[in-house]
Amino acid sequence: LKKGQNRLEGRMDNFEGRMDRLETDISEL
């Protein structure tokens, strides 16, 4: 479960980064 949680947290960080880029792209659009 701890390993899965760590993988999930890593994916969430990646997701948040992608969301930030998406928000920037929307702003530019």
mmCIF file of all heavy atoms, coordinates in Angstrom:
data_MODEL
# 
_entry.id   MODEL 
# 
loop_
_atom_site.group_PDB 
_atom_site.id 
_atom_site.type_symbol 
_atom_site.label_atom_id 
_atom_site.label_alt_id 
_atom_site.label_comp_id 
_atom_site.label_asym_id 
_atom_site.label_entity_id 
_atom_site.label_seq_id 
_atom_site.pdbx_PDB_ins_code 
_atom_site.Cartn_x 
_atom_site.Cartn_y 
_atom_site.Cartn_z 
_atom_site.occupancy 
_atom_site.B_iso_or_equiv 
_atom_site.pdbx_formal_charge 
_atom_site.auth_seq_id 
_atom_site.auth_comp_id 
_atom_site.auth_asym_id 
_atom_site.auth_atom_id 
_atom_site.pdbx_PDB_model_num 
ATOM 1   N N   . LEU A 1 1  ? 0.823  -1.206 0.000   1.00 0.00 ? 1  LEU A N   1 
ATOM 2   C CA  . LEU A 1 1  ? 0.000  0.000  0.000   1.00 0.00 ? 1  LEU A CA  1 
ATOM 3   C C   . LEU A 1 1  ? 0.861  1.261  0.000   1.00 0.00 ? 1  LEU A C   1 
ATOM 4   O O   . LEU A 1 1  ? 0.558  2.238  -0.689  1.00 0.00 ? 1  LEU A O   1 
ATOM 5   C CB  . LEU A 1 1  ? -0.948 0.016  1.198   1.00 0.00 ? 1  LEU A CB  1 
ATOM 6   C CG  . LEU A 1 1  ? -2.123 -0.951 1.134   1.00 0.00 ? 1  LEU A CG  1 
ATOM 7   C CD1 . LEU A 1 1  ? -2.868 -0.955 2.469   1.00 0.00 ? 1  LEU A CD1 1 
ATOM 8   C CD2 . LEU A 1 1  ? -3.065 -0.580 0.007   1.00 0.00 ? 1  LEU A CD2 1 
ATOM 9   N N   . LYS A 1 2  ? 1.954  1.241  0.769   1.00 0.00 ? 2  LYS A N   1 
ATOM 10  C CA  . LYS A 1 2  ? 2.850  2.405  0.800   1.00 0.00 ? 2  LYS A CA  1 
ATOM 11  C C   . LYS A 1 2  ? 3.490  2.626  -0.565  1.00 0.00 ? 2  LYS A C   1 
ATOM 12  O O   . LYS A 1 2  ? 3.612  3.762  -1.028  1.00 0.00 ? 2  LYS A O   1 
ATOM 13  C CB  . LYS A 1 2  ? 3.917  2.223  1.874   1.00 0.00 ? 2  LYS A CB  1 
ATOM 14  C CG  . LYS A 1 2  ? 3.397  2.446  3.275   1.00 0.00 ? 2  LYS A CG  1 
ATOM 15  C CD  . LYS A 1 2  ? 4.498  2.331  4.305   1.00 0.00 ? 2  LYS A CD  1 
ATOM 16  C CE  . LYS A 1 2  ? 3.945  2.550  5.708   1.00 0.00 ? 2  LYS A CE  1 
ATOM 17  N NZ  . LYS A 1 2  ? 4.997  2.433  6.729   1.00 0.00 ? 2  LYS A NZ  1 
ATOM 18  N N   . LYS A 1 3  ? 3.898  1.526  -1.224  1.00 0.00 ? 3  LYS A N   1 
ATOM 19  C CA  . LYS A 1 3  ? 4.484  1.659  -2.566  1.00 0.00 ? 3  LYS A CA  1 
ATOM 20  C C   . LYS A 1 3  ? 3.449  2.229  -3.526  1.00 0.00 ? 3  LYS A C   1 
ATOM 21  O O   . LYS A 1 3  ? 3.760  3.105  -4.331  1.00 0.00 ? 3  LYS A O   1 
ATOM 22  C CB  . LYS A 1 3  ? 4.965  0.294  -3.071  1.00 0.00 ? 3  LYS A CB  1 
ATOM 23  C CG  . LYS A 1 3  ? 6.199  -0.221 -2.381  1.00 0.00 ? 3  LYS A CG  1 
ATOM 24  C CD  . LYS A 1 3  ? 6.555  -1.612 -2.903  1.00 0.00 ? 3  LYS A CD  1 
ATOM 25  C CE  . LYS A 1 3  ? 7.664  -2.235 -2.084  1.00 0.00 ? 3  LYS A CE  1 
ATOM 26  N NZ  . LYS A 1 3  ? 7.923  -3.626 -2.494  1.00 0.00 ? 3  LYS A NZ  1 
ATOM 27  N N   . GLY A 1 4  ? 2.232  1.712  -3.433  1.00 0.00 ? 4  GLY A N   1 
ATOM 28  C CA  . GLY A 1 4  ? 1.164  2.222  -4.292  1.00 0.00 ? 4  GLY A CA  1 
ATOM 29  C C   . GLY A 1 4  ? 0.870  3.679  -4.018  1.00 0.00 ? 4  GLY A C   1 
ATOM 30  O O   . GLY A 1 4  ? 0.624  4.466  -4.941  1.00 0.00 ? 4  GLY A O   1 
ATOM 31  N N   . GLN A 1 5  ? 0.906  4.061  -2.761  1.00 0.00 ? 5  GLN A N   1 
ATOM 32  C CA  . GLN A 1 5  ? 0.658  5.454  -2.386  1.00 0.00 ? 5  GLN A CA  1 
ATOM 33  C C   . GLN A 1 5  ? 1.750  6.345  -2.966  1.00 0.00 ? 5  GLN A C   1 
ATOM 34  O O   . GLN A 1 5  ? 1.460  7.418  -3.488  1.00 0.00 ? 5  GLN A O   1 
ATOM 35  C CB  . GLN A 1 5  ? 0.606  5.592  -0.870  1.00 0.00 ? 5  GLN A CB  1 
ATOM 36  C CG  . GLN A 1 5  ? 0.336  7.010  -0.407  1.00 0.00 ? 5  GLN A CG  1 
ATOM 37  C CD  . GLN A 1 5  ? 0.311  7.125  1.112   1.00 0.00 ? 5  GLN A CD  1 
ATOM 38  O OE1 . GLN A 1 5  ? 0.542  6.158  1.823   1.00 0.00 ? 5  GLN A OE1 1 
ATOM 39  N NE2 . GLN A 1 5  ? 0.032  8.309  1.590   1.00 0.00 ? 5  GLN A NE2 1 
ATOM 40  N N   . ASN A 1 6  ? 2.998  5.896  -2.898  1.00 0.00 ? 6  ASN A N   1 
ATOM 41  C CA  . ASN A 1 6  ? 4.105  6.686  -3.444  1.00 0.00 ? 6  ASN A CA  1 
ATOM 42  C C   . ASN A 1 6  ? 3.956  6.851  -4.957  1.00 0.00 ? 6  ASN A C   1 
ATOM 43  O O   . ASN A 1 6  ? 4.172  7.945  -5.500  1.00 0.00 ? 6  ASN A O   1 
ATOM 44  C CB  . ASN A 1 6  ? 5.451  6.041  -3.117  1.00 0.00 ? 6  ASN A CB  1 
ATOM 45  C CG  . ASN A 1 6  ? 5.807  6.153  -1.642  1.00 0.00 ? 6  ASN A CG  1 
ATOM 46  O OD1 . ASN A 1 6  ? 5.310  7.028  -0.939  1.00 0.00 ? 6  ASN A OD1 1 
ATOM 47  N ND2 . ASN A 1 6  ? 6.652  5.267  -1.162  1.00 0.00 ? 6  ASN A ND2 1 
ATOM 48  N N   . ARG A 1 7  ? 3.569  5.767  -5.643  1.00 0.00 ? 7  ARG A N   1 
ATOM 49  C CA  . ARG A 1 7  ? 3.356  5.870  -7.093  1.00 0.00 ? 7  ARG A CA  1 
ATOM 50  C C   . ARG A 1 7  ? 2.212  6.822  -7.397  1.00 0.00 ? 7  ARG A C   1 
ATOM 51  O O   . ARG A 1 7  ? 2.289  7.637  -8.316  1.00 0.00 ? 7  ARG A O   1 
ATOM 52  C CB  . ARG A 1 7  ? 3.065  4.482  -7.684  1.00 0.00 ? 7  ARG A CB  1 
ATOM 53  C CG  . ARG A 1 7  ? 4.299  3.618  -7.864  1.00 0.00 ? 7  ARG A CG  1 
ATOM 54  C CD  . ARG A 1 7  ? 3.990  2.411  -8.737  1.00 0.00 ? 7  ARG A CD  1 
ATOM 55  N NE  . ARG A 1 7  ? 2.889  1.634  -8.211  1.00 0.00 ? 7  ARG A NE  1 
ATOM 56  C CZ  . ARG A 1 7  ? 3.014  0.485  -7.558  1.00 0.00 ? 7  ARG A CZ  1 
ATOM 57  N NH1 . ARG A 1 7  ? 4.202  -0.026 -7.359  1.00 0.00 ? 7  ARG A NH1 1 
ATOM 58  N NH2 . ARG A 1 7  ? 1.954  -0.161 -7.129  1.00 0.00 ? 7  ARG A NH2 1 
ATOM 59  N N   . LEU A 1 8  ? 1.152  6.722  -6.613  1.00 0.00 ? 8  LEU A N   1 
ATOM 60  C CA  . LEU A 1 8  ? -0.003 7.596  -6.809  1.00 0.00 ? 8  LEU A CA  1 
ATOM 61  C C   . LEU A 1 8  ? 0.368  9.058  -6.571  1.00 0.00 ? 8  LEU A C   1 
ATOM 62  O O   . LEU A 1 8  ? -0.036 9.944  -7.336  1.00 0.00 ? 8  LEU A O   1 
ATOM 63  C CB  . LEU A 1 8  ? -1.141 7.179  -5.874  1.00 0.00 ? 8  LEU A CB  1 
ATOM 64  C CG  . LEU A 1 8  ? -2.454 7.942  -6.000  1.00 0.00 ? 8  LEU A CG  1 
ATOM 65  C CD1 . LEU A 1 8  ? -3.008 7.825  -7.420  1.00 0.00 ? 8  LEU A CD1 1 
ATOM 66  C CD2 . LEU A 1 8  ? -3.461 7.426  -4.998  1.00 0.00 ? 8  LEU A CD2 1 
ATOM 67  N N   . GLU A 1 9  ? 1.145  9.308  -5.534  1.00 0.00 ? 9  GLU A N   1 
ATOM 68  C CA  . GLU A 1 9  ? 1.570  10.686 -5.259  1.00 0.00 ? 9  GLU A CA  1 
ATOM 69  C C   . GLU A 1 9  ? 2.420  11.222 -6.403  1.00 0.00 ? 9  GLU A C   1 
ATOM 70  O O   . GLU A 1 9  ? 2.285  12.381 -6.800  1.00 0.00 ? 9  GLU A O   1 
ATOM 71  C CB  . GLU A 1 9  ? 2.330  10.750 -3.939  1.00 0.00 ? 9  GLU A CB  1 
ATOM 72  C CG  . GLU A 1 9  ? 1.432  10.614 -2.720  1.00 0.00 ? 9  GLU A CG  1 
ATOM 73  C CD  . GLU A 1 9  ? 2.197  10.515 -1.401  1.00 0.00 ? 9  GLU A CD  1 
ATOM 74  O OE1 . GLU A 1 9  ? 3.449  10.402 -1.421  1.00 0.00 ? 9  GLU A OE1 1 
ATOM 75  O OE2 . GLU A 1 9  ? 1.542  10.542 -0.349  1.00 0.00 ? 9  GLU A OE2 1 
ATOM 76  N N   . GLY A 1 10 ? 3.285  10.374 -6.956  1.00 0.00 ? 10 GLY A N   1 
ATOM 77  C CA  . GLY A 1 10 ? 4.107  10.790 -8.103  1.00 0.00 ? 10 GLY A CA  1 
ATOM 78  C C   . GLY A 1 10 ? 3.246  11.125 -9.305  1.00 0.00 ? 10 GLY A C   1 
ATOM 79  O O   . GLY A 1 10 ? 3.474  12.128 -9.993  1.00 0.00 ? 10 GLY A O   1 
ATOM 80  N N   . ARG A 1 11 ? 2.248  10.309 -9.543  1.00 0.00 ? 11 ARG A N   1 
ATOM 81  C CA  . ARG A 1 11 ? 1.355  10.559 -10.669 1.00 0.00 ? 11 ARG A CA  1 
ATOM 82  C C   . ARG A 1 11 ? 0.526  11.821 -10.438 1.00 0.00 ? 11 ARG A C   1 
ATOM 83  O O   . ARG A 1 11 ? 0.234  12.568 -11.375 1.00 0.00 ? 11 ARG A O   1 
ATOM 84  C CB  . ARG A 1 11 ? 0.469  9.359  -10.912 1.00 0.00 ? 11 ARG A CB  1 
ATOM 85  C CG  . ARG A 1 11 ? 1.278  8.137  -11.383 1.00 0.00 ? 11 ARG A CG  1 
ATOM 86  C CD  . ARG A 1 11 ? 0.430  6.974  -11.697 1.00 0.00 ? 11 ARG A CD  1 
ATOM 87  N NE  . ARG A 1 11 ? -0.033 7.150  -13.066 1.00 0.00 ? 11 ARG A NE  1 
ATOM 88  C CZ  . ARG A 1 11 ? -0.829 6.310  -13.682 1.00 0.00 ? 11 ARG A CZ  1 
ATOM 89  N NH1 . ARG A 1 11 ? -1.254 5.240  -13.051 1.00 0.00 ? 11 ARG A NH1 1 
ATOM 90  N NH2 . ARG A 1 11 ? -1.206 6.515  -14.915 1.00 0.00 ? 11 ARG A NH2 1 
ATOM 91  N N   . MET A 1 12 ? 0.138  12.063 -9.202  1.00 0.00 ? 12 MET A N   1 
ATOM 92  C CA  . MET A 1 12 ? -0.627 13.275 -8.883  1.00 0.00 ? 12 MET A CA  1 
ATOM 93  C C   . MET A 1 12 ? 0.232  14.517 -9.114  1.00 0.00 ? 12 MET A C   1 
ATOM 94  O O   . MET A 1 12 ? -0.259 15.525 -9.639  1.00 0.00 ? 12 MET A O   1 
ATOM 95  C CB  . MET A 1 12 ? -1.129 13.237 -7.435  1.00 0.00 ? 12 MET A CB  1 
ATOM 96  C CG  . MET A 1 12 ? -2.298 12.304 -7.216  1.00 0.00 ? 12 MET A CG  1 
ATOM 97  S SD  . MET A 1 12 ? -3.738 12.676 -8.229  1.00 0.00 ? 12 MET A SD  1 
ATOM 98  C CE  . MET A 1 12 ? -4.163 14.300 -7.655  1.00 0.00 ? 12 MET A CE  1 
ATOM 99  N N   . ASP A 1 13 ? 1.511  14.442 -8.730  1.00 0.00 ? 13 ASP A N   1 
ATOM 100 C CA  . ASP A 1 13 ? 2.414  15.573 -8.978  1.00 0.00 ? 13 ASP A CA  1 
ATOM 101 C C   . ASP A 1 13 ? 2.501  15.836 -10.481 1.00 0.00 ? 13 ASP A C   1 
ATOM 102 O O   . ASP A 1 13 ? 2.455  16.982 -10.931 1.00 0.00 ? 13 ASP A O   1 
ATOM 103 C CB  . ASP A 1 13 ? 3.802  15.302 -8.402  1.00 0.00 ? 13 ASP A CB  1 
ATOM 104 C CG  . ASP A 1 13 ? 3.824  15.328 -6.882  1.00 0.00 ? 13 ASP A CG  1 
ATOM 105 O OD1 . ASP A 1 13 ? 2.870  15.871 -6.274  1.00 0.00 ? 13 ASP A OD1 1 
ATOM 106 O OD2 . ASP A 1 13 ? 4.787  14.808 -6.286  1.00 0.00 ? 13 ASP A OD2 1 
ATOM 107 N N   . ASN A 1 14 ? 2.636  14.765 -11.250 1.00 0.00 ? 14 ASN A N   1 
ATOM 108 C CA  . ASN A 1 14 ? 2.699  14.886 -12.704 1.00 0.00 ? 14 ASN A CA  1 
ATOM 109 C C   . ASN A 1 14 ? 1.405  15.489 -13.244 1.00 0.00 ? 14 ASN A C   1 
ATOM 110 O O   . ASN A 1 14 ? 1.419  16.373 -14.101 1.00 0.00 ? 14 ASN A O   1 
ATOM 111 C CB  . ASN A 1 14 ? 2.952  13.504 -13.328 1.00 0.00 ? 14 ASN A CB  1 
ATOM 112 C CG  . ASN A 1 14 ? 3.132  13.575 -14.821 1.00 0.00 ? 14 ASN A CG  1 
ATOM 113 O OD1 . ASN A 1 14 ? 3.619  14.554 -15.362 1.00 0.00 ? 14 ASN A OD1 1 
ATOM 114 N ND2 . ASN A 1 14 ? 2.736  12.525 -15.509 1.00 0.00 ? 14 ASN A ND2 1 
ATOM 115 N N   . PHE A 1 15 ? 0.288  15.022 -12.719 1.00 0.00 ? 15 PHE A N   1 
ATOM 116 C CA  . PHE A 1 15 ? -1.022 15.525 -13.134 1.00 0.00 ? 15 PHE A CA  1 
ATOM 117 C C   . PHE A 1 15 ? -1.149 17.012 -12.817 1.00 0.00 ? 15 PHE A C   1 
ATOM 118 O O   . PHE A 1 15 ? -1.636 17.797 -13.643 1.00 0.00 ? 15 PHE A O   1 
ATOM 119 C CB  . PHE A 1 15 ? -2.125 14.721 -12.443 1.00 0.00 ? 15 PHE A CB  1 
ATOM 120 C CG  . PHE A 1 15 ? -3.507 15.157 -12.791 1.00 0.00 ? 15 PHE A CG  1 
ATOM 121 C CD1 . PHE A 1 15 ? -4.055 14.872 -14.028 1.00 0.00 ? 15 PHE A CD1 1 
ATOM 122 C CD2 . PHE A 1 15 ? -4.273 15.874 -11.873 1.00 0.00 ? 15 PHE A CD2 1 
ATOM 123 C CE1 . PHE A 1 15 ? -5.338 15.280 -14.359 1.00 0.00 ? 15 PHE A CE1 1 
ATOM 124 C CE2 . PHE A 1 15 ? -5.548 16.275 -12.191 1.00 0.00 ? 15 PHE A CE2 1 
ATOM 125 C CZ  . PHE A 1 15 ? -6.087 15.982 -13.431 1.00 0.00 ? 15 PHE A CZ  1 
ATOM 126 N N   . GLU A 1 16 ? -0.705 17.406 -11.627 1.00 0.00 ? 16 GLU A N   1 
ATOM 127 C CA  . GLU A 1 16 ? -0.785 18.823 -11.248 1.00 0.00 ? 16 GLU A CA  1 
ATOM 128 C C   . GLU A 1 16 ? 0.065  19.681 -12.171 1.00 0.00 ? 16 GLU A C   1 
ATOM 129 O O   . GLU A 1 16 ? -0.342 20.780 -12.556 1.00 0.00 ? 16 GLU A O   1 
ATOM 130 C CB  . GLU A 1 16 ? -0.361 18.995 -9.789  1.00 0.00 ? 16 GLU A CB  1 
ATOM 131 C CG  . GLU A 1 16 ? -1.392 18.484 -8.802  1.00 0.00 ? 16 GLU A CG  1 
ATOM 132 C CD  . GLU A 1 16 ? -0.910 18.508 -7.355  1.00 0.00 ? 16 GLU A CD  1 
ATOM 133 O OE1 . GLU A 1 16 ? 0.222  18.958 -7.090  1.00 0.00 ? 16 GLU A OE1 1 
ATOM 134 O OE2 . GLU A 1 16 ? -1.679 18.062 -6.488  1.00 0.00 ? 16 GLU A OE2 1 
ATOM 135 N N   . GLY A 1 17 ? 1.230  19.169 -12.555 1.00 0.00 ? 17 GLY A N   1 
ATOM 136 C CA  . GLY A 1 17 ? 2.086  19.896 -13.502 1.00 0.00 ? 17 GLY A CA  1 
ATOM 137 C C   . GLY A 1 17 ? 1.404  20.068 -14.843 1.00 0.00 ? 17 GLY A C   1 
ATOM 138 O O   . GLY A 1 17 ? 1.444  21.145 -15.457 1.00 0.00 ? 17 GLY A O   1 
ATOM 139 N N   . ARG A 1 18 ? 0.759  19.005 -15.288 1.00 0.00 ? 18 ARG A N   1 
ATOM 140 C CA  . ARG A 1 18 ? 0.046  19.072 -16.565 1.00 0.00 ? 18 ARG A CA  1 
ATOM 141 C C   . ARG A 1 18 ? -1.132 20.035 -16.477 1.00 0.00 ? 18 ARG A C   1 
ATOM 142 O O   . ARG A 1 18 ? -1.421 20.773 -17.421 1.00 0.00 ? 18 ARG A O   1 
ATOM 143 C CB  . ARG A 1 18 ? -0.425 17.684 -16.971 1.00 0.00 ? 18 ARG A CB  1 
ATOM 144 C CG  . ARG A 1 18 ? 0.744  16.755 -17.327 1.00 0.00 ? 18 ARG A CG  1 
ATOM 145 C CD  . ARG A 1 18 ? 0.320  15.338 -17.564 1.00 0.00 ? 18 ARG A CD  1 
ATOM 146 N NE  . ARG A 1 18 ? -0.467 15.255 -18.774 1.00 0.00 ? 18 ARG A NE  1 
ATOM 147 C CZ  . ARG A 1 18 ? -1.122 14.156 -19.140 1.00 0.00 ? 18 ARG A CZ  1 
ATOM 148 N NH1 . ARG A 1 18 ? -1.085 13.088 -18.383 1.00 0.00 ? 18 ARG A NH1 1 
ATOM 149 N NH2 . ARG A 1 18 ? -1.822 14.148 -20.249 1.00 0.00 ? 18 ARG A NH2 1 
ATOM 150 N N   . MET A 1 19 ? -1.820 20.044 -15.336 1.00 0.00 ? 19 MET A N   1 
ATOM 151 C CA  . MET A 1 19 ? -2.940 20.964 -15.155 1.00 0.00 ? 19 MET A CA  1 
ATOM 152 C C   . MET A 1 19 ? -2.446 22.414 -15.160 1.00 0.00 ? 19 MET A C   1 
ATOM 153 O O   . MET A 1 19 ? -3.098 23.290 -15.747 1.00 0.00 ? 19 MET A O   1 
ATOM 154 C CB  . MET A 1 19 ? -3.681 20.662 -13.849 1.00 0.00 ? 19 MET A CB  1 
ATOM 155 C CG  . MET A 1 19 ? -4.513 19.396 -13.891 1.00 0.00 ? 19 MET A CG  1 
ATOM 156 S SD  . MET A 1 19 ? -5.790 19.413 -15.164 1.00 0.00 ? 19 MET A SD  1 
ATOM 157 C CE  . MET A 1 19 ? -6.823 20.735 -14.592 1.00 0.00 ? 19 MET A CE  1 
ATOM 158 N N   . ASP A 1 20 ? -1.305 22.663 -14.528 1.00 0.00 ? 20 ASP A N   1 
ATOM 159 C CA  . ASP A 1 20 ? -0.743 24.022 -14.535 1.00 0.00 ? 20 ASP A CA  1 
ATOM 160 C C   . ASP A 1 20 ? -0.438 24.469 -15.965 1.00 0.00 ? 20 ASP A C   1 
ATOM 161 O O   . ASP A 1 20 ? -0.744 25.603 -16.346 1.00 0.00 ? 20 ASP A O   1 
ATOM 162 C CB  . ASP A 1 20 ? 0.524  24.078 -13.677 1.00 0.00 ? 20 ASP A CB  1 
ATOM 163 C CG  . ASP A 1 20 ? 0.241  23.963 -12.192 1.00 0.00 ? 20 ASP A CG  1 
ATOM 164 O OD1 . ASP A 1 20 ? -0.929 24.157 -11.792 1.00 0.00 ? 20 ASP A OD1 1 
ATOM 165 O OD2 . ASP A 1 20 ? 1.188  23.672 -11.429 1.00 0.00 ? 20 ASP A OD2 1 
ATOM 166 N N   . ARG A 1 21 ? 0.164  23.560 -16.758 1.00 0.00 ? 21 ARG A N   1 
ATOM 167 C CA  . ARG A 1 21 ? 0.465  23.906 -18.147 1.00 0.00 ? 21 ARG A CA  1 
ATOM 168 C C   . ARG A 1 21 ? -0.817 24.137 -18.939 1.00 0.00 ? 21 ARG A C   1 
ATOM 169 O O   . ARG A 1 21 ? -0.887 25.047 -19.765 1.00 0.00 ? 21 ARG A O   1 
ATOM 170 C CB  . ARG A 1 21 ? 1.311  22.800 -18.800 1.00 0.00 ? 21 ARG A CB  1 
ATOM 171 C CG  . ARG A 1 21 ? 2.760  22.793 -18.319 1.00 0.00 ? 21 ARG A CG  1 
ATOM 172 C CD  . ARG A 1 21 ? 3.639  21.889 -19.160 1.00 0.00 ? 21 ARG A CD  1 
ATOM 173 N NE  . ARG A 1 21 ? 3.234  20.505 -19.182 1.00 0.00 ? 21 ARG A NE  1 
ATOM 174 C CZ  . ARG A 1 21 ? 3.547  19.589 -18.280 1.00 0.00 ? 21 ARG A CZ  1 
ATOM 175 N NH1 . ARG A 1 21 ? 4.297  19.921 -17.249 1.00 0.00 ? 21 ARG A NH1 1 
ATOM 176 N NH2 . ARG A 1 21 ? 3.130  18.340 -18.403 1.00 0.00 ? 21 ARG A NH2 1 
ATOM 177 N N   . LEU A 1 22 ? -1.834 23.333 -18.664 1.00 0.00 ? 22 LEU A N   1 
ATOM 178 C CA  . LEU A 1 22 ? -3.115 23.485 -19.349 1.00 0.00 ? 22 LEU A CA  1 
ATOM 179 C C   . LEU A 1 22 ? -3.757 24.834 -19.006 1.00 0.00 ? 22 LEU A C   1 
ATOM 180 O O   . LEU A 1 22 ? -4.277 25.527 -19.884 1.00 0.00 ? 22 LEU A O   1 
ATOM 181 C CB  . LEU A 1 22 ? -4.058 22.343 -18.972 1.00 0.00 ? 22 LEU A CB  1 
ATOM 182 C CG  . LEU A 1 22 ? -5.418 22.312 -19.660 1.00 0.00 ? 22 LEU A CG  1 
ATOM 183 C CD1 . LEU A 1 22 ? -5.265 22.235 -21.177 1.00 0.00 ? 22 LEU A CD1 1 
ATOM 184 C CD2 . LEU A 1 22 ? -6.225 21.139 -19.150 1.00 0.00 ? 22 LEU A CD2 1 
ATOM 185 N N   . GLU A 1 23 ? -3.693 25.207 -17.736 1.00 0.00 ? 23 GLU A N   1 
ATOM 186 C CA  . GLU A 1 23 ? -4.241 26.508 -17.332 1.00 0.00 ? 23 GLU A CA  1 
ATOM 187 C C   . GLU A 1 23 ? -3.511 27.647 -18.020 1.00 0.00 ? 23 GLU A C   1 
ATOM 188 O O   . GLU A 1 23 ? -4.118 28.629 -18.450 1.00 0.00 ? 23 GLU A O   1 
ATOM 189 C CB  . GLU A 1 23 ? -4.186 26.649 -15.811 1.00 0.00 ? 23 GLU A CB  1 
ATOM 190 C CG  . GLU A 1 23 ? -5.204 25.784 -15.086 1.00 0.00 ? 23 GLU A CG  1 
ATOM 191 C CD  . GLU A 1 23 ? -5.044 25.821 -13.575 1.00 0.00 ? 23 GLU A CD  1 
ATOM 192 O OE1 . GLU A 1 23 ? -4.091 26.451 -13.076 1.00 0.00 ? 23 GLU A OE1 1 
ATOM 193 O OE2 . GLU A 1 23 ? -5.894 25.208 -12.899 1.00 0.00 ? 23 GLU A OE2 1 
ATOM 194 N N   . THR A 1 24 ? -2.197 27.515 -18.155 1.00 0.00 ? 24 THR A N   1 
ATOM 195 C CA  . THR A 1 24 ? -1.403 28.530 -18.842 1.00 0.00 ? 24 THR A CA  1 
ATOM 196 C C   . THR A 1 24 ? -1.804 28.599 -20.312 1.00 0.00 ? 24 THR A C   1 
ATOM 197 O O   . THR A 1 24 ? -1.986 29.695 -20.865 1.00 0.00 ? 24 THR A O   1 
ATOM 198 C CB  . THR A 1 24 ? 0.102  28.213 -18.724 1.00 0.00 ? 24 THR A CB  1 
ATOM 199 O OG1 . THR A 1 24 ? 0.468  28.213 -17.338 1.00 0.00 ? 24 THR A OG1 1 
ATOM 200 C CG2 . THR A 1 24 ? 0.953  29.218 -19.471 1.00 0.00 ? 24 THR A CG2 1 
ATOM 201 N N   . ASP A 1 25 ? -1.955 27.430 -20.925 1.00 0.00 ? 25 ASP A N   1 
ATOM 202 C CA  . ASP A 1 25 ? -2.363 27.391 -22.333 1.00 0.00 ? 25 ASP A CA  1 
ATOM 203 C C   . ASP A 1 25 ? -3.743 28.018 -22.527 1.00 0.00 ? 25 ASP A C   1 
ATOM 204 O O   . ASP A 1 25 ? -3.969 28.755 -23.490 1.00 0.00 ? 25 ASP A O   1 
ATOM 205 C CB  . ASP A 1 25 ? -2.378 25.949 -22.856 1.00 0.00 ? 25 ASP A CB  1 
ATOM 206 C CG  . ASP A 1 25 ? -0.980 25.354 -22.994 1.00 0.00 ? 25 ASP A CG  1 
ATOM 207 O OD1 . ASP A 1 25 ? 0.009  26.120 -22.917 1.00 0.00 ? 25 ASP A OD1 1 
ATOM 208 O OD2 . ASP A 1 25 ? -0.887 24.121 -23.176 1.00 0.00 ? 25 ASP A OD2 1 
ATOM 209 N N   . ILE A 1 26 ? -4.659 27.749 -21.627 1.00 0.00 ? 26 ILE A N   1 
ATOM 210 C CA  . ILE A 1 26 ? -6.011 28.318 -21.721 1.00 0.00 ? 26 ILE A CA  1 
ATOM 211 C C   . ILE A 1 26 ? -5.942 29.835 -21.579 1.00 0.00 ? 26 ILE A C   1 
ATOM 212 O O   . ILE A 1 26 ? -6.621 30.569 -22.301 1.00 0.00 ? 26 ILE A O   1 
ATOM 213 C CB  . ILE A 1 26 ? -6.945 27.685 -20.670 1.00 0.00 ? 26 ILE A CB  1 
ATOM 214 C CG1 . ILE A 1 26 ? -7.287 26.250 -21.074 1.00 0.00 ? 26 ILE A CG1 1 
ATOM 215 C CG2 . ILE A 1 26 ? -8.220 28.507 -20.506 1.00 0.00 ? 26 ILE A CG2 1 
ATOM 216 C CD1 . ILE A 1 26 ? -8.050 25.474 -20.015 1.00 0.00 ? 26 ILE A CD1 1 
ATOM 217 N N   . SER A 1 27 ? -5.117 30.292 -20.667 1.00 0.00 ? 27 SER A N   1 
ATOM 218 C CA  . SER A 1 27 ? -4.951 31.735 -20.465 1.00 0.00 ? 27 SER A CA  1 
ATOM 219 C C   . SER A 1 27 ? -4.421 32.386 -21.746 1.00 0.00 ? 27 SER A C   1 
ATOM 220 O O   . SER A 1 27 ? -4.917 33.438 -22.173 1.00 0.00 ? 27 SER A O   1 
ATOM 221 C CB  . SER A 1 27 ? -3.972 31.949 -19.316 1.00 0.00 ? 27 SER A CB  1 
ATOM 222 O OG  . SER A 1 27 ? -4.294 33.064 -18.585 1.00 0.00 ? 27 SER A OG  1 
ATOM 223 N N   . GLU A 1 28 ? -3.425 31.749 -22.357 1.00 0.00 ? 28 GLU A N   1 
ATOM 224 C CA  . GLU A 1 28 ? -2.861 32.280 -23.598 1.00 0.00 ? 28 GLU A CA  1 
ATOM 225 C C   . GLU A 1 28 ? -3.907 32.253 -24.710 1.00 0.00 ? 28 GLU A C   1 
ATOM 226 O O   . GLU A 1 28 ? -4.000 33.188 -25.513 1.00 0.00 ? 28 GLU A O   1 
ATOM 227 C CB  . GLU A 1 28 ? -1.627 31.470 -24.011 1.00 0.00 ? 28 GLU A CB  1 
ATOM 228 C CG  . GLU A 1 28 ? -0.436 31.700 -23.109 1.00 0.00 ? 28 GLU A CG  1 
ATOM 229 C CD  . GLU A 1 28 ? 0.738  30.785 -23.429 1.00 0.00 ? 28 GLU A CD  1 
ATOM 230 O OE1 . GLU A 1 28 ? 0.661  29.980 -24.385 1.00 0.00 ? 28 GLU A OE1 1 
ATOM 231 O OE2 . GLU A 1 28 ? 1.742  30.860 -22.702 1.00 0.00 ? 28 GLU A OE2 1 
ATOM 232 N N   . LEU A 1 29 ? -4.700 31.198 -24.739 1.00 0.00 ? 29 LEU A N   1 
ATOM 233 C CA  . LEU A 1 29 ? -5.747 31.080 -25.752 1.00 0.00 ? 29 LEU A CA  1 
ATOM 234 C C   . LEU A 1 29 ? -6.790 32.187 -25.586 1.00 0.00 ? 29 LEU A C   1 
ATOM 235 O O   . LEU A 1 29 ? -7.225 32.800 -26.568 1.00 0.00 ? 29 LEU A O   1 
ATOM 236 C CB  . LEU A 1 29 ? -6.411 29.702 -25.672 1.00 0.00 ? 29 LEU A CB  1 
ATOM 237 C CG  . LEU A 1 29 ? -7.474 29.392 -26.709 1.00 0.00 ? 29 LEU A CG  1 
ATOM 238 C CD1 . LEU A 1 29 ? -6.913 29.484 -28.122 1.00 0.00 ? 29 LEU A CD1 1 
ATOM 239 C CD2 . LEU A 1 29 ? -8.062 28.020 -26.452 1.00 0.00 ? 29 LEU A CD2 1 
# 
